């Protein structure tokens, strides 16, 4: 039962972070392709936009194929 609770909490945390990233991207970059929005979102959040916003994360993530 504890494992299920931790999984649920991690899922909710990830979804919350993703939601914040999505709001930032829509407000500042204002363009997300419907077919690849998730990949674009994580790529955009790695970029430091001088004078606009810092990089939101720096983890490497999934390599591009």
PDB file of N, CA and C in Angstrom:
ATOM      1  N   UNK A   1       0.813  -1.191   0.000  1.00  0.00           N
ATOM      2  CA  UNK A   1       0.000   0.000   0.000  1.00  0.00           C
ATOM      3  C   UNK A   1       0.863   1.264   0.000  1.00  0.00           C
ATOM      4  N   UNK A   2       1.978   1.260   0.726  1.00  0.00           N
ATOM      5  CA  UNK A   2       2.854   2.427   0.781  1.00  0.00           C
ATOM      6  C   UNK A   2       3.448   2.732  -0.585  1.00  0.00           C
ATOM      7  N   UNK A   3       3.785   1.692  -1.349  1.00  0.00           N
ATOM      8  CA  UNK A   3       4.337   1.883  -2.682  1.00  0.00           C
ATOM      9  C   UNK A   3       3.323   2.565  -3.587  1.00  0.00           C
ATOM     10  N   UNK A   4       2.086   2.161  -3.497  1.00  0.00           N
ATOM     11  CA  UNK A   4       1.025   2.768  -4.289  1.00  0.00           C
ATOM     12  C   UNK A   4       0.844   4.248  -3.923  1.00  0.00           C
ATOM     13  N   UNK A   5       0.922   4.552  -2.657  1.00  0.00           N
ATOM     14  CA  UNK A   5       0.788   5.938  -2.203  1.00  0.00           C
ATOM     15  C   UNK A   5       1.930   6.801  -2.725  1.00  0.00           C
ATOM     16  N   UNK A   6       3.156   6.284  -2.683  1.00  0.00           N
ATOM     17  CA  UNK A   6       4.315   7.028  -3.190  1.00  0.00           C
ATOM     18  C   UNK A   6       4.185   7.235  -4.695  1.00  0.00           C
ATOM     19  N   UNK A   7       3.769   6.209  -5.412  1.00  0.00           N
ATOM     20  CA  UNK A   7       3.572   6.324  -6.854  1.00  0.00           C
ATOM     21  C   UNK A   7       2.524   7.390  -7.182  1.00  0.00           C
ATOM     22  N   UNK A   8       1.458   7.408  -6.434  1.00  0.00           N
ATOM     23  CA  UNK A   8       0.398   8.393  -6.624  1.00  0.00           C
ATOM     24  C   UNK A   8       0.921   9.809  -6.379  1.00  0.00           C
ATOM     25  N   UNK A   9       1.687   9.986  -5.312  1.00  0.00           N
ATOM     26  CA  UNK A   9       2.251  11.299  -4.999  1.00  0.00           C
ATOM     27  C   UNK A   9       3.242  11.755  -6.073  1.00  0.00           C
ATOM     28  N   UNK A  10       4.091  10.850  -6.546  1.00  0.00           N
ATOM     29  CA  UNK A  10       5.044  11.197  -7.602  1.00  0.00           C
ATOM     30  C   UNK A  10       4.326  11.580  -8.894  1.00  0.00           C
ATOM     31  N   UNK A  11       3.287  10.848  -9.224  1.00  0.00           N
ATOM     32  CA  UNK A  11       2.501  11.164 -10.414  1.00  0.00           C
ATOM     33  C   UNK A  11       1.888  12.554 -10.298  1.00  0.00           C
ATOM     34  N   UNK A  12       1.328  12.866  -9.148  1.00  0.00           N
ATOM     35  CA  UNK A  12       0.726  14.180  -8.936  1.00  0.00           C
ATOM     36  C   UNK A  12       1.766  15.292  -8.982  1.00  0.00           C
ATOM     37  N   UNK A  13       2.936  15.053  -8.414  1.00  0.00           N
ATOM     38  CA  UNK A  13       4.005  16.045  -8.446  1.00  0.00           C
ATOM     39  C   UNK A  13       4.456  16.300  -9.878  1.00  0.00           C
ATOM     40  N   UNK A  14       4.682  15.232 -10.635  1.00  0.00           N
ATOM     41  CA  UNK A  14       5.098  15.368 -12.034  1.00  0.00           C
ATOM     42  C   UNK A  14       4.045  16.137 -12.831  1.00  0.00           C
ATOM     43  N   UNK A  15       2.782  15.806 -12.647  1.00  0.00           N
ATOM     44  CA  UNK A  15       1.695  16.466 -13.367  1.00  0.00           C
ATOM     45  C   UNK A  15       1.632  17.954 -13.007  1.00  0.00           C
ATOM     46  N   UNK A  16       1.850  18.282 -11.752  1.00  0.00           N
ATOM     47  CA  UNK A  16       1.839  19.684 -11.324  1.00  0.00           C
ATOM     48  C   UNK A  16       2.992  20.456 -11.959  1.00  0.00           C
ATOM     49  N   UNK A  17       4.182  19.880 -11.951  1.00  0.00           N
ATOM     50  CA  UNK A  17       5.349  20.535 -12.564  1.00  0.00           C
ATOM     51  C   UNK A  17       5.125  20.709 -14.062  1.00  0.00           C
ATOM     52  N   UNK A  18       4.631  19.673 -14.709  1.00  0.00           N
ATOM     53  CA  UNK A  18       4.354  19.747 -16.136  1.00  0.00           C
ATOM     54  C   UNK A  18       3.314  20.838 -16.438  1.00  0.00           C
ATOM     55  N   UNK A  19       2.314  20.954 -15.606  1.00  0.00           N
ATOM     56  CA  UNK A  19       1.302  21.991 -15.787  1.00  0.00           C
ATOM     57  C   UNK A  19       1.889  23.386 -15.696  1.00  0.00           C
ATOM     58  N   UNK A  20       2.805  23.592 -14.742  1.00  0.00           N
ATOM     59  CA  UNK A  20       3.467  24.894 -14.623  1.00  0.00           C
ATOM     60  C   UNK A  20       4.329  25.176 -15.848  1.00  0.00           C
ATOM     61  N   UNK A  21       5.086  24.189 -16.299  1.00  0.00           N
ATOM     62  CA  UNK A  21       5.902  24.346 -17.501  1.00  0.00           C
ATOM     63  C   UNK A  21       5.028  24.704 -18.700  1.00  0.00           C
ATOM     64  N   UNK A  22       3.888  24.049 -18.818  1.00  0.00           N
ATOM     65  CA  UNK A  22       2.980  24.282 -19.939  1.00  0.00           C
ATOM     66  C   UNK A  22       2.444  25.714 -19.915  1.00  0.00           C
ATOM     67  N   UNK A  23       2.074  26.201 -18.739  1.00  0.00           N
ATOM     68  CA  UNK A  23       1.592  27.581 -18.634  1.00  0.00           C
ATOM     69  C   UNK A  23       2.681  28.585 -19.003  1.00  0.00           C
ATOM     70  N   UNK A  24       3.903  28.346 -18.546  1.00  0.00           N
ATOM     71  CA  UNK A  24       5.019  29.234 -18.889  1.00  0.00           C
ATOM     72  C   UNK A  24       5.255  29.214 -20.396  1.00  0.00           C
ATOM     73  N   UNK A  25       5.283  28.040 -20.988  1.00  0.00           N
ATOM     74  CA  UNK A  25       5.538  27.929 -22.426  1.00  0.00           C
ATOM     75  C   UNK A  25       4.444  28.604 -23.242  1.00  0.00           C
ATOM     76  N   UNK A  26       3.207  28.413 -22.856  1.00  0.00           N
ATOM     77  CA  UNK A  26       2.104  29.039 -23.598  1.00  0.00           C
ATOM     78  C   UNK A  26       2.125  30.556 -23.455  1.00  0.00           C
ATOM     79  N   UNK A  27       2.513  31.046 -22.282  1.00  0.00           N
ATOM     80  CA  UNK A  27       2.545  32.484 -22.051  1.00  0.00           C
ATOM     81  C   UNK A  27       3.719  33.147 -22.766  1.00  0.00           C
ATOM     82  N   UNK A  28       4.893  32.540 -22.708  1.00  0.00           N
ATOM     83  CA  UNK A  28       6.092  33.168 -23.249  1.00  0.00           C
ATOM     84  C   UNK A  28       6.399  32.757 -24.689  1.00  0.00           C
ATOM     85  N   UNK A  29       6.331  31.471 -24.974  1.00  0.00           N
ATOM     86  CA  UNK A  29       6.680  31.011 -26.313  1.00  0.00           C
ATOM     87  C   UNK A  29       5.461  30.978 -27.223  1.00  0.00           C
ATOM     88  N   UNK A  30       4.286  30.734 -26.631  1.00  0.00           N
ATOM     89  CA  UNK A  30       3.001  30.839 -27.309  1.00  0.00           C
ATOM     90  C   UNK A  30       2.831  29.924 -28.517  1.00  0.00           C
ATOM     91  N   UNK A  31       3.533  28.806 -28.557  1.00  0.00           N
ATOM     92  CA  UNK A  31       3.387  27.904 -29.694  1.00  0.00           C
ATOM     93  C   UNK A  31       3.783  26.492 -29.286  1.00  0.00           C
ATOM     94  N   UNK A  32       2.843  25.577 -29.349  1.00  0.00           N
ATOM     95  CA  UNK A  32       3.128  24.178 -29.079  1.00  0.00           C
ATOM     96  C   UNK A  32       2.444  23.335 -30.147  1.00  0.00           C
ATOM     97  N   UNK A  33       3.206  22.482 -30.796  1.00  0.00           N
ATOM     98  CA  UNK A  33       2.660  21.589 -31.808  1.00  0.00           C
ATOM     99  C   UNK A  33       1.861  20.489 -31.109  1.00  0.00           C
ATOM    100  N   UNK A  34       0.640  20.261 -31.551  1.00  0.00           N
ATOM    101  CA  UNK A  34      -0.230  19.278 -30.899  1.00  0.00           C
ATOM    102  C   UNK A  34       0.349  17.865 -30.910  1.00  0.00           C
ATOM    103  N   UNK A  35       1.111  17.514 -31.921  1.00  0.00           N
ATOM    104  CA  UNK A  35       1.603  16.139 -32.021  1.00  0.00           C
ATOM    105  C   UNK A  35       2.838  15.875 -31.160  1.00  0.00           C
ATOM    106  N   UNK A  36       3.601  16.919 -30.832  1.00  0.00           N
ATOM    107  CA  UNK A  36       4.839  16.694 -30.073  1.00  0.00           C
ATOM    108  C   UNK A  36       5.008  17.702 -28.938  1.00  0.00           C
ATOM    109  N   UNK A  37       3.893  18.160 -28.357  1.00  0.00           N
ATOM    110  CA  UNK A  37       3.971  19.216 -27.356  1.00  0.00           C
ATOM    111  C   UNK A  37       4.776  18.820 -26.133  1.00  0.00           C
ATOM    112  N   UNK A  38       4.721  17.551 -25.731  1.00  0.00           N
ATOM    113  CA  UNK A  38       5.428  17.133 -24.517  1.00  0.00           C
ATOM    114  C   UNK A  38       6.933  17.232 -24.698  1.00  0.00           C
ATOM    115  N   UNK A  39       7.438  16.742 -25.813  1.00  0.00           N
ATOM    116  CA  UNK A  39       8.880  16.808 -26.083  1.00  0.00           C
ATOM    117  C   UNK A  39       9.317  18.267 -26.234  1.00  0.00           C
ATOM    118  N   UNK A  40       8.560  19.054 -26.977  1.00  0.00           N
ATOM    119  CA  UNK A  40       8.893  20.470 -27.146  1.00  0.00           C
ATOM    120  C   UNK A  40       8.912  21.187 -25.799  1.00  0.00           C
ATOM    121  N   UNK A  41       7.947  20.875 -24.963  1.00  0.00           N
ATOM    122  CA  UNK A  41       7.852  21.509 -23.652  1.00  0.00           C
ATOM    123  C   UNK A  41       9.096  21.233 -22.815  1.00  0.00           C
ATOM    124  N   UNK A  42       9.506  19.978 -22.736  1.00  0.00           N
ATOM    125  CA  UNK A  42      10.684  19.651 -21.926  1.00  0.00           C
ATOM    126  C   UNK A  42      11.947  20.237 -22.535  1.00  0.00           C
ATOM    127  N   UNK A  43      12.038  20.280 -23.866  1.00  0.00           N
ATOM    128  CA  UNK A  43      13.197  20.905 -24.516  1.00  0.00           C
ATOM    129  C   UNK A  43      13.238  22.404 -24.231  1.00  0.00           C
ATOM    130  N   UNK A  44      12.101  23.095 -24.334  1.00  0.00           N
ATOM    131  CA  UNK A  44      12.057  24.531 -24.113  1.00  0.00           C
ATOM    132  C   UNK A  44      12.384  24.896 -22.676  1.00  0.00           C
ATOM    133  N   UNK A  45      11.982  24.063 -21.741  1.00  0.00           N
ATOM    134  CA  UNK A  45      12.219  24.385 -20.339  1.00  0.00           C
ATOM    135  C   UNK A  45      13.686  24.226 -19.949  1.00  0.00           C
ATOM    136  N   UNK A  46      14.507  23.596 -20.801  1.00  0.00           N
ATOM    137  CA  UNK A  46      15.946  23.476 -20.547  1.00  0.00           C
ATOM    138  C   UNK A  46      16.694  24.731 -20.968  1.00  0.00           C
ATOM    139  N   UNK A  47      16.064  25.588 -21.769  1.00  0.00           N
ATOM    140  CA  UNK A  47      16.730  26.744 -22.351  1.00  0.00           C
ATOM    141  C   UNK A  47      16.616  27.961 -21.426  1.00  0.00           C
ATOM    142  N   UNK A  48      17.751  28.636 -21.234  1.00  0.00           N
ATOM    143  CA  UNK A  48      17.774  29.875 -20.471  1.00  0.00           C
ATOM    144  C   UNK A  48      17.530  31.018 -21.446  1.00  0.00           C
ATOM    145  N   UNK A  49      16.409  31.713 -21.314  1.00  0.00           N
ATOM    146  CA  UNK A  49      16.078  32.842 -22.184  1.00  0.00           C
ATOM    147  C   UNK A  49      16.477  34.124 -21.458  1.00  0.00           C
ATOM    148  N   UNK A  50      17.650  34.632 -21.768  1.00  0.00           N
ATOM    149  CA  UNK A  50      18.194  35.815 -21.100  1.00  0.00           C
ATOM    150  C   UNK A  50      17.189  36.965 -21.126  1.00  0.00           C
ATOM    151  N   UNK A  51      16.930  37.544 -19.974  1.00  0.00           N
ATOM    152  CA  UNK A  51      16.037  38.669 -19.858  1.00  0.00           C
ATOM    153  C   UNK A  51      14.559  38.299 -19.844  1.00  0.00           C
ATOM    154  N   UNK A  52      14.243  37.027 -20.050  1.00  0.00           N
ATOM    155  CA  UNK A  52      12.851  36.599 -20.081  1.00  0.00           C
ATOM    156  C   UNK A  52      12.549  35.608 -18.968  1.00  0.00           C
ATOM    157  N   UNK A  53      13.319  34.511 -18.923  1.00  0.00           N
ATOM    158  CA  UNK A  53      13.157  33.522 -17.860  1.00  0.00           C
ATOM    159  C   UNK A  53      14.394  32.635 -17.816  1.00  0.00           C
ATOM    160  N   UNK A  54      14.740  32.121 -16.645  1.00  0.00           N
ATOM    161  CA  UNK A  54      15.861  31.170 -16.559  1.00  0.00           C
ATOM    162  C   UNK A  54      15.406  29.782 -17.006  1.00  0.00           C
ATOM    163  N   UNK A  55      16.359  28.899 -17.220  1.00  0.00           N
ATOM    164  CA  UNK A  55      16.021  27.505 -17.519  1.00  0.00           C
ATOM    165  C   UNK A  55      15.253  26.940 -16.333  1.00  0.00           C
ATOM    166  N   UNK A  56      14.185  26.211 -16.614  1.00  0.00           N
ATOM    167  CA  UNK A  56      13.359  25.673 -15.541  1.00  0.00           C
ATOM    168  C   UNK A  56      13.909  24.368 -14.983  1.00  0.00           C
ATOM    169  N   UNK A  57      14.689  23.664 -15.773  1.00  0.00           N
ATOM    170  CA  UNK A  57      15.332  22.443 -15.302  1.00  0.00           C
ATOM    171  C   UNK A  57      16.583  22.204 -16.125  1.00  0.00           C
ATOM    172  N   UNK A  58      17.438  21.330 -15.639  1.00  0.00           N
ATOM    173  CA  UNK A  58      18.688  21.064 -16.350  1.00  0.00           C
ATOM    174  C   UNK A  58      18.957  19.581 -16.538  1.00  0.00           C
ATOM    175  N   UNK A  59      18.011  18.723 -16.156  1.00  0.00           N
ATOM    176  CA  UNK A  59      18.285  17.306 -16.335  1.00  0.00           C
ATOM    177  C   UNK A  59      18.277  16.970 -17.813  1.00  0.00           C
ATOM    178  N   UNK A  60      19.027  15.957 -18.181  1.00  0.00           N
ATOM    179  CA  UNK A  60      19.237  15.630 -19.588  1.00  0.00           C
ATOM    180  C   UNK A  60      17.992  15.112 -20.263  1.00  0.00           C
ATOM    181  N   UNK A  61      17.205  14.333 -19.554  1.00  0.00           N
ATOM    182  CA  UNK A  61      15.987  13.794 -20.171  1.00  0.00           C
ATOM    183  C   UNK A  61      16.294  12.733 -21.202  1.00  0.00           C
ATOM    184  N   UNK A  62      15.314  12.428 -21.993  1.00  0.00           N
ATOM    185  CA  UNK A  62      15.427  11.398 -23.003  1.00  0.00           C
ATOM    186  C   UNK A  62      16.225  11.938 -24.202  1.00  0.00           C
ATOM    187  N   UNK A  63      17.194  11.148 -24.721  1.00  0.00           N
ATOM    188  CA  UNK A  63      17.944  11.627 -25.877  1.00  0.00           C
ATOM    189  C   UNK A  63      17.063  11.712 -27.123  1.00  0.00           C
ATOM    190  N   UNK A  64      17.341  12.686 -27.949  1.00  0.00           N
ATOM    191  CA  UNK A  64      16.602  12.853 -29.203  1.00  0.00           C
ATOM    192  C   UNK A  64      16.919  11.713 -30.155  1.00  0.00           C
ATOM    193  N   UNK A  65      15.902  11.237 -30.871  1.00  0.00           N
ATOM    194  CA  UNK A  65      16.134  10.170 -31.857  1.00  0.00           C
ATOM    195  C   UNK A  65      15.809  10.657 -33.228  1.00  0.00           C
TER     196      UNK A  65
END
